[in-house]
């Protein structure tokens, strides 16, 4: 098992490119297809801490669910946003690569090189 994990969506080109880049580096990461195996609120909190981001920074604002759930509402707190991401995982920005106590979003895919 690898000590590098990718939260992956195989239908996303950036996610596929990031996984390919890891493989080019001879890294076989643990792959979590987060649309199937959605992270819990506590797992998302741990990921956000490693990313040094807030929940709002991890939201995909162009997804239909973002608008439908009115997630632009500034009165929503971290827990509200995290619960929405758990219930609607398409809202989670992708891909996320975690290596130890560090993490990056693979947009662009080369970002992952910073934590290898």
N, C-alpha and C. Protein backbone atom coordinates (compact mmCIF):
# COMPACT_ATOMS: atom_id res chain seq x y z
N UNK A 1 0.83 -1.19 0.00
CA UNK A 1 0.00 0.00 0.00
C UNK A 1 0.88 1.25 0.00
N UNK A 2 0.50 2.21 -0.79
CA UNK A 2 1.27 3.44 -0.93
C UNK A 2 0.96 4.39 0.23
N UNK A 3 1.92 5.26 0.53
CA UNK A 3 1.66 6.30 1.52
C UNK A 3 1.17 7.57 0.84
N UNK A 4 0.84 7.46 -0.44
CA UNK A 4 0.26 8.56 -1.20
C UNK A 4 -1.14 8.12 -1.63
N UNK A 5 -2.09 9.01 -1.42
CA UNK A 5 -3.48 8.73 -1.76
C UNK A 5 -3.98 9.79 -2.72
N UNK A 6 -4.76 9.36 -3.70
CA UNK A 6 -5.41 10.29 -4.62
C UNK A 6 -6.92 10.09 -4.50
N UNK A 7 -7.61 11.20 -4.25
CA UNK A 7 -9.06 11.22 -4.30
C UNK A 7 -9.40 11.52 -5.75
N UNK A 8 -9.90 10.50 -6.43
CA UNK A 8 -9.90 10.43 -7.88
C UNK A 8 -11.31 10.30 -8.45
N UNK A 9 -11.51 10.96 -9.58
CA UNK A 9 -12.72 10.76 -10.39
C UNK A 9 -12.22 10.36 -11.77
N UNK A 10 -12.39 9.09 -12.15
CA UNK A 10 -11.85 8.63 -13.43
C UNK A 10 -12.47 9.31 -14.65
N UNK A 11 -13.60 9.99 -14.48
CA UNK A 11 -14.23 10.69 -15.60
C UNK A 11 -13.65 12.10 -15.79
N UNK A 12 -12.83 12.55 -14.86
CA UNK A 12 -12.26 13.90 -14.90
C UNK A 12 -10.88 13.87 -15.55
N UNK A 13 -10.69 14.68 -16.57
CA UNK A 13 -9.40 14.67 -17.28
C UNK A 13 -8.25 15.10 -16.38
N UNK A 14 -8.45 16.10 -15.53
CA UNK A 14 -7.36 16.54 -14.63
C UNK A 14 -7.01 15.44 -13.63
N UNK A 15 -8.01 14.73 -13.19
CA UNK A 15 -7.77 13.64 -12.26
C UNK A 15 -6.98 12.52 -12.94
N UNK A 16 -7.37 12.19 -14.17
CA UNK A 16 -6.62 11.16 -14.92
C UNK A 16 -5.19 11.62 -15.20
N UNK A 17 -5.02 12.89 -15.54
CA UNK A 17 -3.67 13.41 -15.81
C UNK A 17 -2.81 13.38 -14.55
N UNK A 18 -3.41 13.70 -13.41
CA UNK A 18 -2.67 13.68 -12.15
C UNK A 18 -2.24 12.26 -11.80
N UNK A 19 -3.14 11.30 -11.97
CA UNK A 19 -2.80 9.91 -11.71
C UNK A 19 -1.70 9.44 -12.65
N UNK A 20 -1.77 9.83 -13.91
CA UNK A 20 -0.73 9.46 -14.88
C UNK A 20 0.61 10.05 -14.47
N UNK A 21 0.60 11.30 -14.00
CA UNK A 21 1.85 11.94 -13.56
C UNK A 21 2.45 11.19 -12.38
N UNK A 22 1.62 10.78 -11.44
CA UNK A 22 2.12 9.99 -10.30
C UNK A 22 2.72 8.68 -10.80
N UNK A 23 2.04 8.02 -11.73
CA UNK A 23 2.55 6.77 -12.27
C UNK A 23 3.87 6.97 -13.00
N UNK A 24 4.01 8.10 -13.71
CA UNK A 24 5.28 8.42 -14.39
C UNK A 24 6.42 8.58 -13.38
N UNK A 25 6.06 8.99 -12.17
CA UNK A 25 7.06 9.15 -11.10
C UNK A 25 7.29 7.82 -10.36
N UNK A 26 6.77 6.74 -10.93
CA UNK A 26 6.88 5.39 -10.35
C UNK A 26 6.15 5.28 -9.01
N UNK A 27 5.08 6.05 -8.88
CA UNK A 27 4.26 6.04 -7.67
C UNK A 27 2.94 5.37 -7.99
N UNK A 28 2.61 4.35 -7.20
CA UNK A 28 1.32 3.68 -7.31
C UNK A 28 0.50 4.11 -6.09
N UNK A 29 -0.26 5.20 -6.21
CA UNK A 29 -0.99 5.69 -5.04
C UNK A 29 -2.19 4.81 -4.69
N UNK A 30 -2.63 4.95 -3.47
CA UNK A 30 -3.92 4.40 -3.09
C UNK A 30 -4.96 5.27 -3.77
N UNK A 31 -5.86 4.65 -4.51
CA UNK A 31 -6.86 5.40 -5.26
C UNK A 31 -8.21 5.30 -4.56
N UNK A 32 -8.75 6.45 -4.22
CA UNK A 32 -10.08 6.50 -3.63
C UNK A 32 -11.00 7.21 -4.62
N UNK A 33 -11.92 6.44 -5.18
CA UNK A 33 -12.91 7.05 -6.07
C UNK A 33 -13.96 7.68 -5.17
N UNK A 34 -13.78 8.97 -4.91
CA UNK A 34 -14.55 9.64 -3.87
C UNK A 34 -16.03 9.78 -4.20
N UNK A 35 -16.42 9.59 -5.47
CA UNK A 35 -17.85 9.62 -5.78
C UNK A 35 -18.52 8.33 -5.32
N UNK A 36 -17.73 7.26 -5.17
CA UNK A 36 -18.25 5.98 -4.70
C UNK A 36 -18.00 5.84 -3.19
N UNK A 37 -16.77 6.14 -2.77
CA UNK A 37 -16.37 6.06 -1.36
C UNK A 37 -16.16 7.48 -0.84
N UNK A 38 -17.26 8.14 -0.56
CA UNK A 38 -17.23 9.55 -0.15
C UNK A 38 -16.57 9.71 1.21
N UNK A 39 -15.65 10.68 1.32
CA UNK A 39 -15.04 10.94 2.63
C UNK A 39 -16.09 11.42 3.64
N UNK A 40 -15.86 11.12 4.89
CA UNK A 40 -16.72 11.60 5.96
C UNK A 40 -16.38 13.06 6.27
N UNK A 41 -17.19 13.68 7.08
CA UNK A 41 -16.91 15.06 7.50
C UNK A 41 -15.55 15.12 8.18
N UNK A 42 -15.26 14.17 9.08
CA UNK A 42 -13.97 14.21 9.78
C UNK A 42 -12.81 13.97 8.81
N UNK A 43 -12.99 13.10 7.83
CA UNK A 43 -11.94 12.90 6.82
C UNK A 43 -11.72 14.16 6.00
N UNK A 44 -12.81 14.83 5.63
CA UNK A 44 -12.67 16.08 4.89
C UNK A 44 -11.98 17.15 5.72
N UNK A 45 -12.28 17.20 7.01
CA UNK A 45 -11.61 18.17 7.88
C UNK A 45 -10.10 17.91 7.91
N UNK A 46 -9.72 16.64 8.00
CA UNK A 46 -8.30 16.29 8.02
C UNK A 46 -7.63 16.66 6.69
N UNK A 47 -8.33 16.42 5.59
CA UNK A 47 -7.78 16.78 4.27
C UNK A 47 -7.62 18.29 4.17
N UNK A 48 -8.64 19.03 4.60
CA UNK A 48 -8.57 20.49 4.54
C UNK A 48 -7.41 21.03 5.36
N UNK A 49 -7.17 20.41 6.51
CA UNK A 49 -6.04 20.85 7.35
C UNK A 49 -4.72 20.65 6.59
N UNK A 50 -4.58 19.51 5.91
CA UNK A 50 -3.37 19.23 5.13
C UNK A 50 -3.25 20.17 3.93
N UNK A 51 -4.40 20.55 3.36
CA UNK A 51 -4.40 21.48 2.23
C UNK A 51 -4.20 22.93 2.68
N UNK A 52 -4.43 23.17 3.98
CA UNK A 52 -4.40 24.53 4.53
C UNK A 52 -5.47 25.39 3.85
N UNK A 53 -6.67 24.80 3.72
CA UNK A 53 -7.80 25.48 3.07
C UNK A 53 -9.02 25.40 3.97
N UNK A 54 -9.99 26.24 3.67
CA UNK A 54 -11.31 26.19 4.30
C UNK A 54 -12.24 25.39 3.39
N UNK A 55 -13.35 24.94 3.94
CA UNK A 55 -14.30 24.13 3.18
C UNK A 55 -14.75 24.85 1.91
N UNK A 56 -15.01 26.13 2.01
CA UNK A 56 -15.48 26.88 0.85
C UNK A 56 -14.47 26.83 -0.30
N UNK A 57 -13.18 26.74 0.03
CA UNK A 57 -12.12 26.68 -0.99
C UNK A 57 -12.11 25.36 -1.75
N UNK A 58 -12.74 24.35 -1.19
CA UNK A 58 -12.74 23.02 -1.79
C UNK A 58 -14.01 22.74 -2.61
N UNK A 59 -14.91 23.70 -2.61
CA UNK A 59 -16.17 23.54 -3.33
C UNK A 59 -16.01 23.81 -4.82
N UNK A 60 -16.63 22.97 -5.62
CA UNK A 60 -16.72 23.20 -7.07
C UNK A 60 -17.95 24.07 -7.31
N UNK A 61 -17.69 25.34 -7.51
CA UNK A 61 -18.77 26.32 -7.57
C UNK A 61 -19.58 26.29 -8.86
N UNK A 62 -19.12 25.56 -9.86
CA UNK A 62 -19.85 25.49 -11.13
C UNK A 62 -20.78 24.27 -11.22
N UNK A 63 -20.76 23.43 -10.18
CA UNK A 63 -21.65 22.27 -10.17
C UNK A 63 -23.09 22.72 -9.92
N UNK A 64 -24.04 22.02 -10.52
CA UNK A 64 -25.46 22.35 -10.37
C UNK A 64 -25.88 22.33 -8.89
N UNK A 65 -25.32 21.38 -8.13
CA UNK A 65 -25.67 21.27 -6.72
C UNK A 65 -25.28 22.52 -5.93
N UNK A 66 -24.20 23.17 -6.33
CA UNK A 66 -23.75 24.37 -5.63
C UNK A 66 -24.85 25.42 -5.65
N UNK A 67 -25.40 25.63 -6.83
CA UNK A 67 -26.47 26.62 -6.98
C UNK A 67 -27.76 26.13 -6.33
N UNK A 68 -28.11 24.88 -6.58
CA UNK A 68 -29.37 24.32 -6.07
C UNK A 68 -29.41 24.35 -4.54
N UNK A 69 -28.28 24.13 -3.90
CA UNK A 69 -28.22 24.11 -2.44
C UNK A 69 -27.92 25.48 -1.84
N UNK A 70 -27.78 26.49 -2.70
CA UNK A 70 -27.50 27.86 -2.27
C UNK A 70 -26.23 27.94 -1.40
N UNK A 71 -25.19 27.26 -1.85
CA UNK A 71 -23.96 27.19 -1.07
C UNK A 71 -23.13 28.48 -1.13
N UNK A 72 -23.54 29.42 -1.96
CA UNK A 72 -22.87 30.73 -1.98
C UNK A 72 -23.26 31.56 -0.76
N UNK A 73 -24.26 31.12 -0.04
CA UNK A 73 -24.75 31.82 1.15
C UNK A 73 -23.62 31.93 2.18
N UNK A 74 -23.20 33.16 2.48
CA UNK A 74 -22.09 33.38 3.42
C UNK A 74 -22.43 33.00 4.85
N UNK A 75 -23.71 32.80 5.16
CA UNK A 75 -24.07 32.43 6.53
C UNK A 75 -23.81 30.95 6.81
N UNK A 76 -23.53 30.16 5.78
CA UNK A 76 -23.23 28.75 5.98
C UNK A 76 -21.85 28.60 6.61
N UNK A 77 -21.75 27.76 7.63
CA UNK A 77 -20.46 27.57 8.30
C UNK A 77 -19.71 26.36 7.72
N UNK A 78 -18.53 26.10 8.25
CA UNK A 78 -17.69 25.00 7.77
C UNK A 78 -18.45 23.67 7.80
N UNK A 79 -19.12 23.39 8.90
CA UNK A 79 -19.83 22.11 9.02
C UNK A 79 -20.96 22.00 8.00
N UNK A 80 -21.67 23.10 7.76
CA UNK A 80 -22.73 23.08 6.75
C UNK A 80 -22.15 22.70 5.38
N UNK A 81 -21.03 23.32 5.03
CA UNK A 81 -20.42 23.07 3.73
C UNK A 81 -19.86 21.66 3.64
N UNK A 82 -19.25 21.18 4.72
CA UNK A 82 -18.70 19.82 4.73
C UNK A 82 -19.81 18.78 4.60
N UNK A 83 -20.92 19.00 5.28
CA UNK A 83 -22.05 18.07 5.17
C UNK A 83 -22.58 18.05 3.74
N UNK A 84 -22.65 19.22 3.12
CA UNK A 84 -23.11 19.28 1.72
C UNK A 84 -22.17 18.49 0.81
N UNK A 85 -20.86 18.61 1.05
CA UNK A 85 -19.89 17.87 0.23
C UNK A 85 -20.02 16.36 0.44
N UNK A 86 -20.30 15.94 1.66
CA UNK A 86 -20.47 14.52 1.93
C UNK A 86 -21.74 13.98 1.27
N UNK A 87 -22.78 14.79 1.28
CA UNK A 87 -24.04 14.35 0.68
C UNK A 87 -24.02 14.46 -0.84
N UNK A 88 -23.19 15.35 -1.37
CA UNK A 88 -23.09 15.60 -2.81
C UNK A 88 -21.61 15.67 -3.19
N UNK A 89 -20.94 14.52 -3.26
CA UNK A 89 -19.49 14.51 -3.44
C UNK A 89 -19.00 15.16 -4.75
N UNK A 90 -19.88 15.35 -5.72
CA UNK A 90 -19.45 16.05 -6.94
C UNK A 90 -19.02 17.47 -6.63
N UNK A 91 -19.41 17.98 -5.47
CA UNK A 91 -19.03 19.33 -5.06
C UNK A 91 -17.57 19.43 -4.65
N UNK A 92 -16.92 18.30 -4.39
CA UNK A 92 -15.54 18.31 -3.91
C UNK A 92 -14.58 18.52 -5.09
N UNK A 93 -13.72 19.53 -4.96
CA UNK A 93 -12.71 19.79 -5.99
C UNK A 93 -11.82 18.57 -6.12
N UNK A 94 -11.37 18.33 -7.33
CA UNK A 94 -10.58 17.13 -7.60
C UNK A 94 -9.45 17.43 -8.57
N UNK A 95 -8.49 16.57 -8.61
CA UNK A 95 -8.19 15.50 -7.66
C UNK A 95 -7.44 16.07 -6.46
N UNK A 96 -7.52 15.37 -5.36
CA UNK A 96 -6.75 15.73 -4.17
C UNK A 96 -5.73 14.62 -3.97
N UNK A 97 -4.48 15.02 -3.80
CA UNK A 97 -3.41 14.05 -3.52
C UNK A 97 -2.88 14.33 -2.12
N UNK A 98 -2.84 13.28 -1.30
CA UNK A 98 -2.37 13.38 0.07
C UNK A 98 -1.10 12.54 0.21
N UNK A 99 -0.09 13.16 0.82
CA UNK A 99 1.18 12.47 1.09
C UNK A 99 1.59 12.85 2.50
N UNK A 100 1.41 11.92 3.43
CA UNK A 100 1.74 12.21 4.82
C UNK A 100 0.86 13.32 5.37
N UNK A 101 1.52 14.39 5.88
CA UNK A 101 0.75 15.49 6.45
C UNK A 101 0.58 16.65 5.46
N UNK A 102 0.81 16.37 4.18
CA UNK A 102 0.66 17.39 3.14
C UNK A 102 -0.36 16.92 2.12
N UNK A 103 -0.97 17.88 1.46
CA UNK A 103 -1.91 17.57 0.38
C UNK A 103 -1.95 18.72 -0.59
N UNK A 104 -2.32 18.42 -1.83
CA UNK A 104 -2.52 19.45 -2.86
C UNK A 104 -3.69 19.03 -3.74
N UNK A 105 -4.23 20.04 -4.40
CA UNK A 105 -5.24 19.80 -5.43
C UNK A 105 -4.49 19.75 -6.76
N UNK A 106 -4.73 18.71 -7.53
CA UNK A 106 -4.01 18.50 -8.79
C UNK A 106 -4.57 19.34 -9.93
N UNK A 107 -4.65 20.61 -9.74
CA UNK A 107 -5.08 21.56 -10.77
C UNK A 107 -4.11 22.72 -10.74
N UNK A 108 -3.12 22.72 -11.59
CA UNK A 108 -2.79 21.74 -12.61
C UNK A 108 -2.16 20.49 -11.99
N UNK A 109 -2.11 19.40 -12.76
CA UNK A 109 -1.57 18.15 -12.23
C UNK A 109 -0.16 18.29 -11.64
N UNK A 110 0.65 19.18 -12.19
CA UNK A 110 2.03 19.35 -11.72
C UNK A 110 2.10 19.78 -10.26
N UNK A 111 1.00 20.28 -9.71
CA UNK A 111 0.99 20.66 -8.29
C UNK A 111 1.42 19.52 -7.39
N UNK A 112 1.14 18.28 -7.80
CA UNK A 112 1.47 17.14 -6.94
C UNK A 112 2.97 16.98 -6.75
N UNK A 113 3.75 17.47 -7.67
CA UNK A 113 5.20 17.35 -7.54
C UNK A 113 5.72 18.07 -6.31
N UNK A 114 4.98 19.07 -5.83
CA UNK A 114 5.39 19.84 -4.66
C UNK A 114 5.46 18.99 -3.39
N UNK A 115 4.67 17.93 -3.31
CA UNK A 115 4.59 17.17 -2.06
C UNK A 115 5.22 15.78 -2.15
N UNK A 116 5.84 15.47 -3.27
CA UNK A 116 6.44 14.13 -3.42
C UNK A 116 7.80 14.08 -2.76
